[in-house]
Amino acid sequence: MYLQKQLSKKIGDKEYAKYVIVVPPKLIDKLKWKGGEELEAEVKGDKLVIEKD
């Protein structure tokens, strides 16, 4: 699993980035998640917890 930075848009000289967490298909299958589903995220201490909405 890794964190990927992507250029979202560029307006003039200003660049805006977004970040994507790449999750291996094996974990997605285990969680029974599907592409396009809404997810909720919460920071607990120094951890990021992601759950299905």
Protein backbone atom coordinates (compact mmCIF):
# COMPACT_ATOMS: atom_id res chain seq x y z
CA MET A 1 0.00 0.00 0.00
CA TYR A 2 1.32 3.47 -0.77
CA LEU A 3 0.38 7.15 -0.81
CA GLN A 4 0.42 8.78 -4.24
CA LYS A 5 0.44 12.53 -4.89
CA GLN A 6 -1.37 13.64 -8.06
CA LEU A 7 -1.66 17.02 -9.69
CA SER A 8 -5.34 17.95 -9.50
CA LYS A 9 -5.25 21.24 -11.39
CA LYS A 10 -3.01 24.15 -12.24
CA ILE A 11 -4.29 27.72 -12.27
CA GLY A 12 -1.69 30.19 -13.42
CA ASP A 13 1.46 29.42 -11.45
CA LYS A 14 -0.43 27.71 -8.60
CA GLU A 15 -0.63 23.90 -8.54
CA TYR A 16 -3.22 21.98 -6.53
CA ALA A 17 -2.55 18.40 -5.50
CA LYS A 18 -4.68 15.55 -4.24
CA TYR A 19 -3.53 12.37 -2.56
CA VAL A 20 -4.63 8.82 -3.33
CA ILE A 21 -4.06 5.77 -1.14
CA VAL A 22 -3.48 2.72 -3.32
CA VAL A 23 -4.98 -0.36 -1.65
CA PRO A 24 -4.12 -3.83 -2.98
CA PRO A 25 -7.05 -5.73 -4.59
CA LYS A 26 -6.58 -8.57 -2.08
CA LEU A 27 -7.54 -6.21 0.78
CA ILE A 28 -10.46 -4.70 -1.18
CA ASP A 29 -11.82 -8.22 -1.81
CA LYS A 30 -11.38 -9.17 1.87
CA LEU A 31 -13.32 -6.04 2.93
CA LYS A 32 -15.96 -6.67 0.21
CA TRP A 33 -15.60 -3.07 -1.00
CA LYS A 34 -16.49 -2.02 -4.53
CA GLY A 35 -15.23 0.86 -6.67
CA GLY A 36 -17.25 4.05 -6.30
CA GLU A 37 -18.50 3.34 -2.77
CA GLU A 38 -18.59 6.20 -0.27
CA LEU A 39 -16.01 5.87 2.51
CA GLU A 40 -15.64 7.72 5.80
CA ALA A 41 -12.24 8.62 7.25
CA GLU A 42 -11.26 9.58 10.79
CA VAL A 43 -7.93 10.34 12.42
CA LYS A 44 -7.42 8.49 15.72
CA GLY A 45 -4.13 9.50 17.31
CA ASP A 46 -1.57 8.99 14.56
CA LYS A 47 -3.71 6.52 12.57
CA LEU A 48 -6.12 6.99 9.68
CA VAL A 49 -9.23 4.80 9.98
CA ILE A 50 -11.26 4.30 6.77
CA GLU A 51 -14.71 2.66 6.86
CA LYS A 52 -17.61 2.15 4.48
CA ASP A 53 -20.27 4.82 4.94
